[in-house]
C-alpha atoms as a PDB file:
ATOM      1  CA  MET A   1      -0.210  -0.181  -0.184  1.00  0.00           C
ATOM      2  CA  ASN A   2       1.493   3.144  -0.985  1.00  0.00           C
ATOM      3  CA  PHE A   3       1.040   6.361   2.573  1.00  0.00           C
ATOM      4  CA  THR A   4       2.015   9.551   2.200  1.00  0.00           C
ATOM      5  CA  VAL A   5       3.967  10.242   6.172  1.00  0.00           C
ATOM      6  CA  GLN A   6       4.503  13.711   6.921  1.00  0.00           C
ATOM      7  CA  ILE A   7       8.412  13.593   9.336  1.00  0.00           C
ATOM      8  CA  ASN A   8      10.371  17.274  10.014  1.00  0.00           C
ATOM      9  CA  GLY A   9       8.513  19.109   7.622  1.00  0.00           C
ATOM     10  CA  ARG A  10       8.570  17.259   4.335  1.00  0.00           C
ATOM     11  CA  THR A  11       6.043  14.899   2.444  1.00  0.00           C
ATOM     12  CA  HIS A  12       7.514  11.925   2.013  1.00  0.00           C
ATOM     13  CA  SER A  13       5.443   8.328  -0.639  1.00  0.00           C
ATOM     14  CA  VAL A  14       6.035   4.959   1.201  1.00  0.00           C
ATOM     15  CA  ASP A  15       4.946   1.454  -0.521  1.00  0.00           C
ATOM     16  CA  VAL A  16       4.982  -0.528   2.975  1.00  0.00           C
ATOM     17  CA  ASP A  17       2.169  -2.611   4.503  1.00  0.00           C
ATOM     18  CA  GLY A  18      -0.258  -0.724   7.322  1.00  0.00           C
ATOM     19  CA  ASP A  19       0.744  -2.558  10.028  1.00  0.00           C
ATOM     20  CA  THR A  20       4.642  -1.805   9.402  1.00  0.00           C
ATOM     21  CA  PRO A  21       5.984  -0.249  12.784  1.00  0.00           C
ATOM     22  CA  LEU A  22       6.713   3.457  12.010  1.00  0.00           C
ATOM     23  CA  LEU A  23      10.454   3.065  12.910  1.00  0.00           C
ATOM     24  CA  TRP A  24      11.207   0.375  10.116  1.00  0.00           C
ATOM     25  CA  VAL A  25       9.310   3.062   7.345  1.00  0.00           C
ATOM     26  CA  ILE A  26      11.631   5.645   9.655  1.00  0.00           C
ATOM     27  CA  ARG A  27      14.872   3.785   9.600  1.00  0.00           C
ATOM     28  CA  ASP A  28      14.594   0.921   6.550  1.00  0.00           C
ATOM     29  CA  ILE A  29      13.108   2.966   4.384  1.00  0.00           C
ATOM     30  CA  LEU A  30      13.660   6.067   4.859  1.00  0.00           C
ATOM     31  CA  GLY A  31      17.376   6.135   6.416  1.00  0.00           C
ATOM     32  CA  MET A  32      16.688   8.307   9.057  1.00  0.00           C
ATOM     33  CA  THR A  33      19.011   6.345  11.230  1.00  0.00           C
ATOM     34  CA  GLY A  34      18.721   8.671  14.452  1.00  0.00           C
ATOM     35  CA  THR A  35      15.587   7.015  16.304  1.00  0.00           C
ATOM     36  CA  LYS A  36      16.952   3.436  17.595  1.00  0.00           C
ATOM     37  CA  PHE A  37      15.053  -0.260  18.106  1.00  0.00           C
ATOM     38  CA  GLY A  38      15.145  -0.855  21.157  1.00  0.00           C
ATOM     39  CA  CYS A  39      13.025  -3.976  22.854  1.00  0.00           C
ATOM     40  CA  GLY A  40      10.219  -4.015  19.987  1.00  0.00           C
ATOM     41  CA  GLN A  41       7.522  -3.583  22.681  1.00  0.00           C
ATOM     42  CA  ALA A  42       7.378  -0.106  23.856  1.00  0.00           C
ATOM     43  CA  LEU A  43       8.898  -0.504  27.243  1.00  0.00           C
ATOM     44  CA  CYS A  44      12.695   1.617  26.779  1.00  0.00           C
ATOM     45  CA  GLY A  45      11.444   4.235  24.662  1.00  0.00           C
ATOM     46  CA  ALA A  46      14.282   4.775  22.938  1.00  0.00           C
ATOM     47  CA  CYS A  47      12.074   5.037  19.957  1.00  0.00           C
ATOM     48  CA  THR A  48      10.494   7.974  20.739  1.00  0.00           C
ATOM     49  CA  VAL A  49       9.430  10.267  17.808  1.00  0.00           C
ATOM     50  CA  HIS A  50       6.979  12.735  18.590  1.00  0.00           C
ATOM     51  CA  VAL A  51       2.885  12.274  16.209  1.00  0.00           C
ATOM     52  CA  ASP A  52       1.476  15.853  16.489  1.00  0.00           C
ATOM     53  CA  GLY A  53       3.795  16.750  19.229  1.00  0.00           C
ATOM     54  CA  ALA A  54       3.673  13.533  21.575  1.00  0.00           C
ATOM     55  CA  PRO A  55       6.125  11.553  22.723  1.00  0.00           C
ATOM     56  CA  THR A  56       4.730   8.100  20.895  1.00  0.00           C
ATOM     57  CA  ARG A  57       6.963   4.565  21.062  1.00  0.00           C
ATOM     58  CA  SER A  58       7.634   4.020  17.055  1.00  0.00           C
ATOM     59  CA  CYS A  59       8.392   0.504  17.481  1.00  0.00           C
ATOM     60  CA  ILE A  60       4.542  -0.207  18.635  1.00  0.00           C
ATOM     61  CA  THR A  61       2.897   2.329  16.049  1.00  0.00           C
ATOM     62  CA  SER A  62       1.897   1.675  12.772  1.00  0.00           C
ATOM     63  CA  ILE A  63       1.878   3.879   9.134  1.00  0.00           C
ATOM     64  CA  GLU A  64      -1.376   3.297   9.001  1.00  0.00           C
ATOM     65  CA  MET A  65      -2.102   4.910  12.202  1.00  0.00           C
ATOM     66  CA  VAL A  66      -0.285   8.301  11.842  1.00  0.00           C
ATOM     67  CA  GLY A  67      -2.794   9.826   8.941  1.00  0.00           C
ATOM     68  CA  ASP A  68      -1.862  12.871   8.152  1.00  0.00           C
ATOM     69  CA  SER A  69       0.180  13.644  12.104  1.00  0.00           C
ATOM     70  CA  GLN A  70       3.377  15.568  11.817  1.00  0.00           C
ATOM     71  CA  ILE A  71       6.103  13.043  12.627  1.00  0.00           C
ATOM     72  CA  THR A  72       9.337  14.412  14.169  1.00  0.00           C
ATOM     73  CA  THR A  73      12.726  12.802  14.857  1.00  0.00           C
ATOM     74  CA  ILE A  74      15.918  13.450  16.767  1.00  0.00           C
ATOM     75  CA  GLU A  75      17.101  14.552  12.949  1.00  0.00           C
ATOM     76  CA  ALA A  76      15.135  17.542  13.707  1.00  0.00           C
ATOM     77  CA  LEU A  77      15.275  18.345  17.094  1.00  0.00           C
ATOM     78  CA  ASP A  78      16.481  21.485  16.664  1.00  0.00           C
ATOM     79  CA  THR A  79      13.650  22.882  15.127  1.00  0.00           C
ATOM     80  CA  LEU A  80      11.571  22.111  18.406  1.00  0.00           C
ATOM     81  CA  ALA A  81      11.290  25.211  20.636  1.00  0.00           C
ATOM     82  CA  HIS A  82      13.834  23.560  23.575  1.00  0.00           C
ATOM     83  CA  GLY A  83      15.481  22.068  20.963  1.00  0.00           C
ATOM     84  CA  LYS A  84      18.774  23.624  20.308  1.00  0.00           C
ATOM     85  CA  ALA A  85      18.908  24.085  24.616  1.00  0.00           C
ATOM     86  CA  LEU A  86      18.050  20.198  25.339  1.00  0.00           C
ATOM     87  CA  GLN A  87      21.090  19.899  22.348  1.00  0.00           C
ATOM     88  CA  GLN A  88      23.540  22.176  24.558  1.00  0.00           C
ATOM     89  CA  ALA A  89      23.165  21.054  28.189  1.00  0.00           C
ATOM     90  CA  TRP A  90      23.026  16.935  26.855  1.00  0.00           C
ATOM     91  CA  ILE A  91      27.096  18.371  26.145  1.00  0.00           C
ATOM     92  CA  GLU A  92      27.618  20.658  28.576  1.00  0.00           C
ATOM     93  CA  LEU A  93      26.876  17.377  31.334  1.00  0.00           C
ATOM     94  CA  GLU A  94      28.197  15.241  29.156  1.00  0.00           C
ATOM     95  CA  VAL A  95      24.621  12.997  29.677  1.00  0.00           C
ATOM     96  CA  PRO A  96      25.762  10.664  27.257  1.00  0.00           C
ATOM     97  CA  GLN A  97      27.704   7.594  27.885  1.00  0.00           C
ATOM     98  CA  CYS A  98      26.683   4.607  26.055  1.00  0.00           C
ATOM     99  CA  GLY A  99      24.255   6.726  23.534  1.00  0.00           C
ATOM    100  CA  TYR A 100      22.458   4.373  22.729  1.00  0.00           C
ATOM    101  CA  CYS A 101      18.961   5.237  24.673  1.00  0.00           C
ATOM    102  CA  GLN A 102      19.906   9.455  23.733  1.00  0.00           C
ATOM    103  CA  SER A 103      17.694   9.863  20.914  1.00  0.00           C
ATOM    104  CA  GLY A 104      14.840   9.254  22.658  1.00  0.00           C
ATOM    105  CA  GLN A 105      15.924  10.316  25.788  1.00  0.00           C
ATOM    106  CA  LEU A 106      16.373  13.821  24.074  1.00  0.00           C
ATOM    107  CA  MET A 107      12.630  13.426  22.324  1.00  0.00           C
ATOM    108  CA  SER A 108      10.809  13.453  25.622  1.00  0.00           C
ATOM    109  CA  ALA A 109      12.705  15.938  27.279  1.00  0.00           C
ATOM    110  CA  ALA A 110      11.418  17.898  24.362  1.00  0.00           C
ATOM    111  CA  ALA A 111       7.548  17.321  24.591  1.00  0.00           C
ATOM    112  CA  LEU A 112       7.948  17.562  28.361  1.00  0.00           C
ATOM    113  CA  LEU A 113       9.360  21.211  27.729  1.00  0.00           C
ATOM    114  CA  ALA A 114       7.140  21.877  25.792  1.00  0.00           C
ATOM    115  CA  GLU A 115       4.660  21.405  27.341  1.00  0.00           C
ATOM    116  CA  ASN A 116       5.887  22.053  31.126  1.00  0.00           C
ATOM    117  CA  PRO A 117       8.541  24.562  30.365  1.00  0.00           C
ATOM    118  CA  ARG A 118       9.676  24.423  33.892  1.00  0.00           C
ATOM    119  CA  PRO A 119       9.105  21.900  35.798  1.00  0.00           C
ATOM    120  CA  THR A 120      10.351  19.907  38.573  1.00  0.00           C
ATOM    121  CA  ASP A 121      12.151  16.804  39.472  1.00  0.00           C
ATOM    122  CA  GLU A 122       8.841  14.774  39.829  1.00  0.00           C
ATOM    123  CA  ASP A 123       7.833  16.422  36.740  1.00  0.00           C
ATOM    124  CA  ILE A 124      11.241  15.262  34.966  1.00  0.00           C
ATOM    125  CA  ASN A 125      10.727  11.728  36.888  1.00  0.00           C
ATOM    126  CA  ASP A 126       6.973  11.292  35.403  1.00  0.00           C
ATOM    127  CA  ALA A 127       7.855  12.047  32.191  1.00  0.00           C
ATOM    128  CA  MET A 128      11.226  10.229  31.484  1.00  0.00           C
ATOM    129  CA  SER A 129      10.188   7.014  33.182  1.00  0.00           C
ATOM    130  CA  GLY A 130       9.139   5.336  30.297  1.00  0.00           C
ATOM    131  CA  ASN A 131      13.083   5.760  29.439  1.00  0.00           C
ATOM    132  CA  VAL A 132      15.429   3.371  29.697  1.00  0.00           C
ATOM    133  CA  CYS A 133      19.103   3.753  30.474  1.00  0.00           C
ATOM    134  CA  ARG A 134      21.256   1.054  30.256  1.00  0.00           C
ATOM    135  CA  CYS A 135      23.786   3.338  31.546  1.00  0.00           C
ATOM    136  CA  GLY A 136      22.456   5.035  34.538  1.00  0.00           C
ATOM    137  CA  THR A 137      23.187   8.321  34.053  1.00  0.00           C
ATOM    138  CA  TYR A 138      19.503   9.837  34.632  1.00  0.00           C
ATOM    139  CA  GLN A 139      21.409  12.291  37.032  1.00  0.00           C
ATOM    140  CA  ARG A 140      22.778  13.639  34.299  1.00  0.00           C
ATOM    141  CA  ILE A 141      19.637  13.583  32.411  1.00  0.00           C
ATOM    142  CA  ARG A 142      18.140  15.170  34.802  1.00  0.00           C
ATOM    143  CA  ALA A 143      20.154  17.715  34.888  1.00  0.00           C
ATOM    144  CA  ALA A 144      20.800  18.263  31.264  1.00  0.00           C
ATOM    145  CA  ILE A 145      16.674  18.907  31.085  1.00  0.00           C
ATOM    146  CA  LYS A 146      16.762  21.096  34.240  1.00  0.00           C
ATOM    147  CA  GLN A 147      19.417  23.459  32.991  1.00  0.00           C
ATOM    148  CA  ALA A 148      17.319  23.318  29.160  1.00  0.00           C
ATOM    149  CA  SER A 149      14.673  24.683  30.923  1.00  0.00           C
ATOM    150  CA  ALA A 150      16.475  27.703  32.918  1.00  0.00           C
END
């Protein structure tokens, strides 16, 4: 089937089955490899993208489910309201260790700051609880979100 999707402000036409996960369309069909595959069950957050501004697990979201929605991936993070501030804080505070989960972490953090520009520690914990970092950089992630919100 042919689907038209809006990703990072561009229109893309893809010929895939309707139940194809958005993650595979983004990575394998369109070649945007910043969004990562983690668990395939929406448990780790590595595949987080924004669908109409909401953080969404692309590994379980089928292409037919997105319709005319605007999809934003890590490749366009710097176009989001707090994207550049988050990127800068991530660099300054040396947040990544292995880095694998970081695109999902950043996309969840950007959605949080878009909704709540001055989050408390509890707000950050709640918003980021679905993102797993096997390296355990949670303290630096929280500090970077707070720095970006300042």
